[in-house]
Amino acid sequence: MYRIENPNETRQIYPVFVSHTELSKEAKRFADKLGISVYEDIDIGEIPYIKCHFGKDELGRQSKIYHLPVDLQYDKIVMKKKDGDIY
């Protein structure tokens, strides 16, 4: 994708995939065909959690709001245990 979005890039690009699990044989075949270096069973430390808390939707009904680690606001969300309203 980087190469497609940056067609004038002159540096050599080396795709790498790092996983804390073992890939399937099929995934390894795809990676090999695409020239992707794969590193499996790597200890990548603690995996970030999905943050969830209760909120209100546009009609005032209770809803759960999930914050994924890739969310731009993830690091700004502070989860405080109050009345069991967090996961």
C-alpha atoms as a PDB file:
ATOM      1  CA  MET A   1       0.000   0.000   0.000  1.00  0.00           C
ATOM      2  CA  TYR A   2       2.841   2.367   0.828  1.00  0.00           C
ATOM      3  CA  ARG A   3       4.381   1.781  -2.595  1.00  0.00           C
ATOM      4  CA  ILE A   4       1.024   2.456  -4.283  1.00  0.00           C
ATOM      5  CA  GLU A   5       0.452   5.676  -2.350  1.00  0.00           C
ATOM      6  CA  ASN A   6       4.067   6.831  -2.843  1.00  0.00           C
ATOM      7  CA  PRO A   7       4.930   5.905  -6.446  1.00  0.00           C
ATOM      8  CA  ASN A   8       7.909   8.288  -6.554  1.00  0.00           C
ATOM      9  CA  GLU A   9       9.580   6.802  -3.475  1.00  0.00           C
ATOM     10  CA  THR A  10      13.111   5.745  -4.392  1.00  0.00           C
ATOM     11  CA  ARG A  11      14.074   3.957  -1.179  1.00  0.00           C
ATOM     12  CA  GLN A  12      13.782   0.173  -1.046  1.00  0.00           C
ATOM     13  CA  ILE A  13      10.776  -0.853   1.034  1.00  0.00           C
ATOM     14  CA  TYR A  14      10.838  -4.091   3.045  1.00  0.00           C
ATOM     15  CA  PRO A  15       7.438  -5.203   4.305  1.00  0.00           C
ATOM     16  CA  VAL A  16       7.474  -6.925   7.703  1.00  0.00           C
ATOM     17  CA  PHE A  17       4.677  -8.591   9.665  1.00  0.00           C
ATOM     18  CA  VAL A  18       5.180  -9.217  13.399  1.00  0.00           C
ATOM     19  CA  SER A  19       2.725 -11.388  15.304  1.00  0.00           C
ATOM     20  CA  HIS A  20       2.452 -12.673  18.840  1.00  0.00           C
ATOM     21  CA  THR A  21       0.732 -15.788  17.466  1.00  0.00           C
ATOM     22  CA  GLU A  22       1.593 -18.403  14.880  1.00  0.00           C
ATOM     23  CA  LEU A  23       0.256 -17.794  11.382  1.00  0.00           C
ATOM     24  CA  SER A  24      -1.641 -20.382   9.372  1.00  0.00           C
ATOM     25  CA  LYS A  25       0.106 -22.138   6.502  1.00  0.00           C
ATOM     26  CA  GLU A  26      -2.072 -20.203   4.076  1.00  0.00           C
ATOM     27  CA  ALA A  27      -1.125 -16.840   5.629  1.00  0.00           C
ATOM     28  CA  LYS A  28       2.563 -17.809   5.443  1.00  0.00           C
ATOM     29  CA  ARG A  29       2.149 -18.695   1.759  1.00  0.00           C
ATOM     30  CA  PHE A  30       0.531 -15.317   1.033  1.00  0.00           C
ATOM     31  CA  ALA A  31       3.265 -13.472   2.904  1.00  0.00           C
ATOM     32  CA  ASP A  32       5.946 -15.392   1.037  1.00  0.00           C
ATOM     33  CA  LYS A  33       4.309 -14.676  -2.328  1.00  0.00           C
ATOM     34  CA  LEU A  34       4.073 -10.959  -1.477  1.00  0.00           C
ATOM     35  CA  GLY A  35       7.659 -10.801  -0.239  1.00  0.00           C
ATOM     36  CA  ILE A  36       6.675 -10.050   3.358  1.00  0.00           C
ATOM     37  CA  SER A  37       9.071 -11.074   6.131  1.00  0.00           C
ATOM     38  CA  VAL A  38       7.129 -12.765   8.922  1.00  0.00           C
ATOM     39  CA  TYR A  39       8.146 -12.962  12.583  1.00  0.00           C
ATOM     40  CA  GLU A  40       5.887 -15.208  14.664  1.00  0.00           C
ATOM     41  CA  ASP A  41       5.425 -15.972  18.355  1.00  0.00           C
ATOM     42  CA  ILE A  42       7.112 -12.709  19.279  1.00  0.00           C
ATOM     43  CA  ASP A  43       6.631 -11.428  22.816  1.00  0.00           C
ATOM     44  CA  ILE A  44       5.239  -7.976  22.094  1.00  0.00           C
ATOM     45  CA  GLY A  45       4.458  -7.206  25.717  1.00  0.00           C
ATOM     46  CA  GLU A  46       1.073  -6.388  27.094  1.00  0.00           C
ATOM     47  CA  ILE A  47      -1.617  -6.107  24.443  1.00  0.00           C
ATOM     48  CA  PRO A  48      -3.746  -2.931  24.692  1.00  0.00           C
ATOM     49  CA  TYR A  49      -7.290  -3.418  25.872  1.00  0.00           C
ATOM     50  CA  ILE A  50     -10.538  -2.281  24.313  1.00  0.00           C
ATOM     51  CA  LYS A  51     -11.925   0.354  26.652  1.00  0.00           C
ATOM     52  CA  CYS A  52     -15.674   0.359  27.198  1.00  0.00           C
ATOM     53  CA  HIS A  53     -17.901   2.574  29.260  1.00  0.00           C
ATOM     54  CA  PHE A  54     -21.571   3.405  29.446  1.00  0.00           C
ATOM     55  CA  GLY A  55     -22.908   6.506  27.777  1.00  0.00           C
ATOM     56  CA  LYS A  56     -26.111   7.837  26.273  1.00  0.00           C
ATOM     57  CA  ASP A  57     -27.180   7.757  22.623  1.00  0.00           C
ATOM     58  CA  GLU A  58     -28.929  10.618  20.802  1.00  0.00           C
ATOM     59  CA  LEU A  59     -32.300   9.543  22.299  1.00  0.00           C
ATOM     60  CA  GLY A  60     -30.950   9.398  25.843  1.00  0.00           C
ATOM     61  CA  ARG A  61     -30.895   5.610  25.991  1.00  0.00           C
ATOM     62  CA  GLN A  62     -28.035   3.877  27.741  1.00  0.00           C
ATOM     63  CA  SER A  63     -25.389   2.603  25.371  1.00  0.00           C
ATOM     64  CA  LYS A  64     -21.900   1.163  25.559  1.00  0.00           C
ATOM     65  CA  ILE A  65     -19.098   3.144  23.957  1.00  0.00           C
ATOM     66  CA  TYR A  66     -16.044   1.175  22.858  1.00  0.00           C
ATOM     67  CA  HIS A  67     -12.603   2.675  22.336  1.00  0.00           C
ATOM     68  CA  LEU A  68     -10.154   0.570  20.311  1.00  0.00           C
ATOM     69  CA  PRO A  69      -6.360   0.918  20.597  1.00  0.00           C
ATOM     70  CA  VAL A  70      -6.283   2.385  17.059  1.00  0.00           C
ATOM     71  CA  ASP A  71      -8.803   5.098  18.030  1.00  0.00           C
ATOM     72  CA  LEU A  72      -7.238   8.568  17.900  1.00  0.00           C
ATOM     73  CA  GLN A  73      -8.764   9.328  21.300  1.00  0.00           C
ATOM     74  CA  TYR A  74      -7.754   6.000  22.930  1.00  0.00           C
ATOM     75  CA  ASP A  75      -4.922   7.400  25.071  1.00  0.00           C
ATOM     76  CA  LYS A  76      -7.074  10.307  26.217  1.00  0.00           C
ATOM     77  CA  ILE A  77      -9.825   8.016  27.542  1.00  0.00           C
ATOM     78  CA  VAL A  78      -9.336   7.406  31.257  1.00  0.00           C
ATOM     79  CA  MET A  79     -11.260   4.503  32.667  1.00  0.00           C
ATOM     80  CA  LYS A  80     -12.251   5.026  36.307  1.00  0.00           C
ATOM     81  CA  LYS A  81     -13.998   2.229  38.107  1.00  0.00           C
ATOM     82  CA  LYS A  82     -17.246   3.727  39.360  1.00  0.00           C
ATOM     83  CA  ASP A  83     -20.275   1.631  40.200  1.00  0.00           C
ATOM     84  CA  GLY A  84     -19.098  -1.168  37.882  1.00  0.00           C
ATOM     85  CA  ASP A  85     -19.851   0.932  34.780  1.00  0.00           C
ATOM     86  CA  ILE A  86     -16.691  -0.029  32.900  1.00  0.00           C
ATOM     87  CA  TYR A  87     -15.321  -3.128  31.218  1.00  0.00           C
END
